[in-house]
Protein backbone atom coordinates (compact mmCIF):
# COMPACT_ATOMS: atom_id res chain seq x y z
CA UNK A 1 27.81 -189.90 60.82
CA UNK A 2 29.55 -187.35 58.55
CA UNK A 3 33.31 -187.30 58.63
CA UNK A 4 34.44 -183.71 58.08
CA UNK A 5 37.90 -184.01 59.36
CA UNK A 6 39.37 -183.66 55.86
CA UNK A 7 37.51 -180.43 55.07
CA UNK A 8 40.68 -178.28 55.01
CA UNK A 9 42.35 -180.82 52.68
CA UNK A 10 39.38 -180.68 50.38
CA UNK A 11 39.64 -176.84 50.34
CA UNK A 12 43.34 -177.14 49.45
CA UNK A 13 42.70 -179.66 46.75
CA UNK A 14 40.00 -177.51 45.14
CA UNK A 15 41.93 -174.26 45.32
CA UNK A 16 45.15 -175.96 43.98
CA UNK A 17 43.23 -177.41 41.07
CA UNK A 18 41.65 -174.21 40.18
CA UNK A 19 44.79 -172.14 40.34
CA UNK A 20 47.12 -174.83 38.90
CA UNK A 21 49.60 -174.31 41.65
CA UNK A 22 50.11 -174.45 45.41
CA UNK A 23 51.26 -170.81 45.40
CA UNK A 24 47.95 -169.51 43.96
CA UNK A 25 45.96 -171.71 46.41
CA UNK A 26 48.04 -170.48 49.32
CA UNK A 27 47.38 -166.92 48.42
CA UNK A 28 43.69 -167.50 48.32
CA UNK A 29 43.49 -169.56 51.57
CA UNK A 30 45.94 -167.24 53.33
CA UNK A 31 48.45 -170.01 54.28
CA UNK A 32 51.84 -170.89 52.94
CA UNK A 33 52.39 -173.03 49.81
CA UNK A 34 54.10 -175.77 51.81
CA UNK A 35 50.89 -175.97 54.03
CA UNK A 36 48.73 -176.38 50.98
CA UNK A 37 51.03 -179.13 49.68
CA UNK A 38 50.89 -180.98 53.06
CA UNK A 39 47.07 -180.90 53.06
CA UNK A 40 46.94 -182.27 49.55
CA UNK A 41 49.53 -184.94 50.37
CA UNK A 42 47.50 -185.99 53.38
CA UNK A 43 44.51 -186.49 51.15
CA UNK A 44 46.72 -188.47 48.58
CA UNK A 45 47.79 -190.71 51.41
CA UNK A 46 44.14 -191.31 52.32
CA UNK A 47 43.00 -192.11 48.80
CA UNK A 48 46.12 -194.11 48.01
CA UNK A 49 47.20 -192.48 44.70
CA UNK A 50 48.50 -189.08 43.52
CA UNK A 51 45.76 -186.54 42.80
CA UNK A 52 47.79 -184.28 40.51
CA UNK A 53 50.03 -184.64 37.56
CA UNK A 54 52.96 -182.39 38.32
CA UNK A 55 55.19 -180.54 35.87
CA UNK A 56 57.51 -177.68 36.22
CA UNK A 57 57.42 -174.43 34.21
CA UNK A 58 59.10 -171.81 36.42
CA UNK A 59 56.73 -172.65 39.30
CA UNK A 60 55.08 -176.03 39.90
CA UNK A 61 52.05 -176.59 37.82
CA UNK A 62 49.39 -179.02 38.74
CA UNK A 63 46.79 -180.93 36.67
CA UNK A 64 44.19 -183.12 38.46
CA UNK A 65 44.23 -186.77 37.39
CA UNK A 66 40.97 -188.08 35.92
CA UNK A 67 39.61 -189.41 39.06
CA UNK A 68 40.29 -186.15 41.00
CA UNK A 69 38.86 -184.04 38.05
CA UNK A 70 35.51 -185.98 38.32
CA UNK A 71 35.37 -185.64 42.11
CA UNK A 72 36.28 -181.98 42.08
CA UNK A 73 32.95 -181.03 40.50
CA UNK A 74 31.08 -182.48 43.53
CA UNK A 75 33.72 -181.13 45.98
CA UNK A 76 33.40 -177.59 44.54
CA UNK A 77 29.65 -177.72 44.65
CA UNK A 78 29.68 -179.03 48.20
CA UNK A 79 32.04 -176.20 49.32
CA UNK A 80 29.72 -173.71 47.79
CA UNK A 81 26.79 -175.22 49.66
CA UNK A 82 28.66 -175.10 52.92
CA UNK A 83 29.44 -171.40 52.31
CA UNK A 84 25.68 -170.78 51.50
CA UNK A 85 24.73 -172.58 54.67
CA UNK A 86 27.09 -170.38 56.81
CA UNK A 87 25.60 -167.21 55.35
CA UNK A 88 22.18 -168.47 56.30
CA UNK A 89 23.41 -169.41 59.81
CA UNK A 90 24.49 -165.73 60.22
CA UNK A 91 20.93 -164.82 60.03
CA UNK A 92 18.58 -162.92 57.74
CA UNK A 93 20.19 -159.62 58.50
CA UNK A 94 23.67 -160.86 57.11
CA UNK A 95 24.74 -158.85 54.01
CA UNK A 96 26.66 -160.10 51.00
CA UNK A 97 29.34 -158.20 49.19
CA UNK A 98 30.15 -158.30 45.47
CA UNK A 99 33.37 -156.61 44.25
CA UNK A 100 32.93 -155.10 40.80
CA UNK A 101 35.70 -153.91 38.61
CA UNK A 102 35.47 -151.60 35.56
CA UNK A 103 37.35 -148.79 33.91
CA UNK A 104 37.18 -145.23 35.30
CA UNK A 105 35.23 -143.96 32.25
CA UNK A 106 32.67 -146.78 32.30
CA UNK A 107 32.10 -146.50 36.04
CA UNK A 108 31.74 -142.71 35.97
CA UNK A 109 29.62 -142.48 32.82
CA UNK A 110 27.54 -145.62 32.77
CA UNK A 111 27.56 -147.92 35.83
CA UNK A 112 27.24 -145.42 38.72
CA UNK A 113 23.98 -143.99 37.49
CA UNK A 114 22.49 -147.45 37.50
CA UNK A 115 23.66 -148.87 40.78
CA UNK A 116 20.68 -147.41 42.75
CA UNK A 117 18.50 -149.77 40.73
CA UNK A 118 20.54 -152.74 41.68
CA UNK A 119 20.39 -151.83 45.34
CA UNK A 120 16.63 -151.42 45.08
CA UNK A 121 16.30 -154.97 43.75
CA UNK A 122 18.95 -156.55 46.01
CA UNK A 123 18.96 -154.50 49.28
CA UNK A 124 21.09 -157.06 51.15
CA UNK A 125 23.95 -157.06 48.60
CA UNK A 126 26.62 -154.41 49.01
CA UNK A 127 28.54 -153.30 45.89
CA UNK A 128 32.16 -152.47 46.24
CA UNK A 129 33.84 -150.82 43.14
CA UNK A 130 37.41 -151.54 42.11
CA UNK A 131 37.93 -148.82 39.51
CA UNK A 132 40.94 -149.60 37.32
CA UNK A 133 41.98 -149.20 33.72
CA UNK A 134 44.21 -152.20 34.05
CA UNK A 135 42.80 -155.82 33.64
CA UNK A 136 42.12 -156.92 37.22
CA UNK A 137 42.91 -160.71 37.59
CA UNK A 138 39.39 -162.18 38.20
CA UNK A 139 40.64 -165.68 37.91
CA UNK A 140 42.85 -165.09 41.00
CA UNK A 141 39.99 -163.39 42.93
CA UNK A 142 41.18 -159.78 42.78
CA UNK A 143 37.49 -158.96 42.16
CA UNK A 144 34.28 -160.97 41.77
CA UNK A 145 33.02 -159.72 38.46
CA UNK A 146 33.83 -156.98 35.91
CA UNK A 147 32.81 -155.20 32.82
CA UNK A 148 35.45 -155.11 29.97
CA UNK A 149 35.43 -153.60 26.58
CA UNK A 150 37.24 -155.64 23.96
CA UNK A 151 36.90 -158.54 21.51
CA UNK A 152 35.47 -160.78 24.24
CA UNK A 153 38.21 -163.32 24.75
CA UNK A 154 40.10 -163.18 28.17
CA UNK A 155 41.84 -166.21 29.69
CA UNK A 156 40.46 -167.70 32.82
CA UNK A 157 36.91 -166.02 32.78
CA UNK A 158 33.58 -166.54 31.35
CA UNK A 159 32.54 -163.65 29.03
CA UNK A 160 28.87 -162.74 28.50
CA UNK A 161 27.97 -160.17 25.80
CA UNK A 162 26.57 -156.92 27.35
CA UNK A 163 26.29 -154.33 24.56
CA UNK A 164 27.80 -153.17 21.37
CA UNK A 165 29.75 -149.97 20.89
CA UNK A 166 30.21 -147.30 18.26
CA UNK A 167 32.35 -144.20 17.87
CA UNK A 168 30.74 -140.78 17.85
CA UNK A 169 31.93 -137.23 17.51
CA UNK A 170 31.00 -134.88 20.44
CA UNK A 171 31.77 -131.45 21.80
CA UNK A 172 30.44 -129.02 24.37
CA UNK A 173 27.40 -127.01 23.43
CA UNK A 174 29.22 -123.67 23.71
CA UNK A 175 31.60 -124.60 20.85
CA UNK A 176 28.71 -125.01 18.36
CA UNK A 177 28.60 -122.39 15.52
CA UNK A 178 26.13 -119.52 16.10
CA UNK A 179 23.60 -120.95 13.56
CA UNK A 180 24.20 -124.43 15.11
CA UNK A 181 24.70 -125.73 11.59
CA UNK A 182 27.35 -128.41 12.08
CA UNK A 183 29.17 -129.72 9.02
CA UNK A 184 32.26 -132.03 8.50
CA UNK A 185 34.08 -128.92 7.27
CA UNK A 186 33.34 -127.01 10.47
CA UNK A 187 34.44 -129.96 12.61
CA UNK A 188 37.71 -130.27 10.68
CA UNK A 189 38.55 -126.61 11.52
CA UNK A 190 38.05 -127.08 15.24
CA UNK A 191 40.61 -128.35 17.80
CA UNK A 192 40.53 -132.09 17.48
CA UNK A 193 41.01 -134.26 20.60
CA UNK A 194 42.82 -137.59 19.85
CA UNK A 195 42.43 -140.64 22.14
CA UNK A 196 45.84 -142.33 22.20
CA UNK A 197 44.68 -145.28 24.23
CA UNK A 198 45.49 -148.59 22.41
CA UNK A 199 42.45 -150.38 20.93
CA UNK A 200 43.99 -153.56 19.36
CA UNK A 201 41.69 -155.21 16.78
CA UNK A 202 38.76 -152.74 17.57
CA UNK A 203 39.03 -150.93 14.25
CA UNK A 204 38.63 -147.51 15.94
CA UNK A 205 38.75 -144.62 13.40
CA UNK A 206 41.32 -141.85 13.30
CA UNK A 207 39.97 -138.34 12.85
CA UNK A 208 41.09 -138.31 9.26
CA UNK A 209 39.11 -141.60 8.64
CA UNK A 210 36.02 -140.30 10.38
CA UNK A 211 36.00 -136.91 8.59
CA UNK A 212 36.65 -138.49 5.14
CA UNK A 213 33.51 -140.68 5.77
CA UNK A 214 31.64 -137.59 6.93
CA UNK A 215 32.30 -135.71 3.66
CA UNK A 216 34.97 -133.16 4.62
CA UNK A 217 36.79 -131.82 1.61
CA UNK A 218 40.08 -131.94 3.32
CA UNK A 219 40.86 -134.37 6.17
CA UNK A 220 43.32 -132.99 8.68
CA UNK A 221 46.45 -134.58 9.85
CA UNK A 222 46.97 -135.60 13.50
CA UNK A 223 47.03 -131.89 14.72
CA UNK A 224 45.18 -131.04 18.00
CA UNK A 225 45.22 -132.25 21.59
CA UNK A 226 46.53 -135.86 22.17
CA UNK A 227 45.60 -137.66 25.35
CA UNK A 228 46.41 -141.25 26.32
CA UNK A 229 43.41 -141.73 28.60
CA UNK A 230 39.85 -142.32 27.38
CA UNK A 231 38.45 -140.82 30.59
CA UNK A 232 40.63 -137.67 30.15
CA UNK A 233 39.45 -137.25 26.51
CA UNK A 234 35.96 -137.25 27.78
CA UNK A 235 36.75 -134.69 30.52
CA UNK A 236 38.50 -132.53 27.87
CA UNK A 237 35.46 -132.56 25.71
CA UNK A 238 33.20 -131.69 28.60
CA UNK A 239 35.58 -128.83 29.50
CA UNK A 240 35.13 -127.42 25.91
CA UNK A 241 38.72 -128.05 24.89
CA UNK A 242 37.71 -129.35 21.44
CA UNK A 243 35.87 -131.98 19.56
CA UNK A 244 36.41 -135.65 20.41
CA UNK A 245 35.78 -139.04 19.02
CA UNK A 246 34.48 -141.21 21.88
CA UNK A 247 32.76 -144.47 22.72
CA UNK A 248 28.97 -143.68 22.75
CA UNK A 249 28.21 -145.74 25.89
CA UNK A 250 30.82 -143.80 27.90
CA UNK A 251 29.15 -140.39 27.22
CA UNK A 252 25.50 -141.38 27.55
CA UNK A 253 25.01 -139.29 30.67
CA UNK A 254 26.84 -136.29 29.24
CA UNK A 255 24.64 -136.44 26.15
CA UNK A 256 21.50 -136.78 28.18
CA UNK A 257 22.31 -133.88 30.35
CA UNK A 258 23.26 -131.70 27.44
CA UNK A 259 26.76 -131.13 28.54
CA UNK A 260 27.90 -132.84 25.28
CA UNK A 261 26.37 -132.65 21.89
CA UNK A 262 26.38 -135.59 19.38
CA UNK A 263 27.68 -134.14 16.16
CA UNK A 264 26.51 -135.51 12.76
CA UNK A 265 24.54 -138.35 14.33
CA UNK A 266 23.86 -139.90 10.91
CA UNK A 267 27.46 -140.76 10.60
CA UNK A 268 27.72 -144.27 12.02
CA UNK A 269 31.05 -146.01 13.02
CA UNK A 270 30.36 -149.30 14.79
CA UNK A 271 33.55 -150.92 16.11
CA UNK A 272 34.55 -154.57 16.80
CA UNK A 273 35.02 -153.87 20.48
CA UNK A 274 32.03 -154.58 22.62
CA UNK A 275 31.21 -154.66 26.34
CA UNK A 276 31.29 -158.01 28.18
CA UNK A 277 30.48 -159.17 31.72
CA UNK A 278 33.38 -161.18 32.86
CA UNK A 279 33.80 -163.48 35.93
CA UNK A 280 35.43 -166.69 36.93
CA UNK A 281 33.16 -169.69 36.88
CA UNK A 282 33.66 -170.25 40.62
CA UNK A 283 32.58 -166.70 41.39
CA UNK A 284 29.41 -167.09 39.42
CA UNK A 285 28.29 -169.90 41.70
CA UNK A 286 27.90 -167.31 44.47
CA UNK A 287 24.40 -165.88 44.78
CA UNK A 288 25.44 -162.22 44.93
CA UNK A 289 27.73 -162.46 41.86
CA UNK A 290 25.18 -164.28 39.79
CA UNK A 291 22.60 -161.74 40.86
CA UNK A 292 24.74 -158.78 39.69
CA UNK A 293 25.64 -160.65 36.47
CA UNK A 294 21.90 -161.16 35.63
CA UNK A 295 21.00 -157.58 36.69
CA UNK A 296 23.73 -156.15 34.37
CA UNK A 297 22.30 -158.14 31.39
CA UNK A 298 18.81 -156.88 32.18
CA UNK A 299 19.90 -153.31 32.41
CA UNK A 300 21.85 -153.37 29.12
CA UNK A 301 18.84 -154.99 27.39
CA UNK A 302 16.71 -151.98 28.43
CA UNK A 303 19.08 -149.45 26.91
C-alpha cells in the first residue's frame, strides 16, 4: 500500500531546493515560510538527517545534501507525473494554459501573427501573453516560457537559440523620393530616428556607422528624433516620422504589408544579439510548455 502522507512535505522539499530558500518555496506554494520549514523539518525527522546545508546571505539559503540531491530527481519526476495524472482525471475536455512572455515589439510584430498556427496544432492549450519589456523572472514562475533577445545567457533558465538578428534601415513608403532611387546620401538628409534602448554587447550600429558603411559622403551626427523604446521607434517609422534603424524580425509584418520599406537591402549589419526561447527546467517538464517550446523552434526554422 502506498504511503502518501508525506506528499506535502515532498512538495515543500522540492520547491525549497529549486528556489534555494523557504521564502521562494512559500510564495510558490501559497503558504508561509515557517510552514515550509516545518514541513521540511518533519521530513528530516523521518529520514534521520538534515536534508539541506544552510547558510545565510541576507535570507537563508539552502543547498540539498548529496542524498537529497539524488532523491530530488525522482521526487520532481514523481510530482510531475501526479500533476499529469490529475489533468487526465479532469477529463478529456480539460484545457491547459501556458503563460508566454515577450517584449511588446516582438509580440506585436512577430508572435501574434503566428499564434493561430499554434492553436490549430494544439487546440486544448490556451496561450496567455505577459507582454513586458522587463525581464520576467521565469525561474520564480512569473511566466512559463519566454522569448528574449540578447547574448543567450540568463541565470536560472535554459536558453534555446531561436533565430539570428540584423539591423536594417526602414521608412514609410510615402517618404521615398519621387523617382524611388534611394541612396545613402538621401537617407543622410532625412529625419533620422534613433533607438536609445540599451543593447549591451550587441554591437548595434549608430546612424553614423551605418551610413559610413553604406557609402554616404558625410555621416551625420546624432541629430533627429531620439526615442528610448524599440516599439515606439517602429511606431514612429510606420507613422512616417523619419528613417529608422530597426531589428529586422520586429518589422517583418510591416515590410510584408508594405507599410515600411527596407532601404538599401544590400547593406547587411548582423548583430551579436539573437532571439532565444527561455524557460526554467521544471516548466519544460510540463506538456503544454514543452509543446510551445517545440512549436516555436519549428516556426522559426520555417522563416
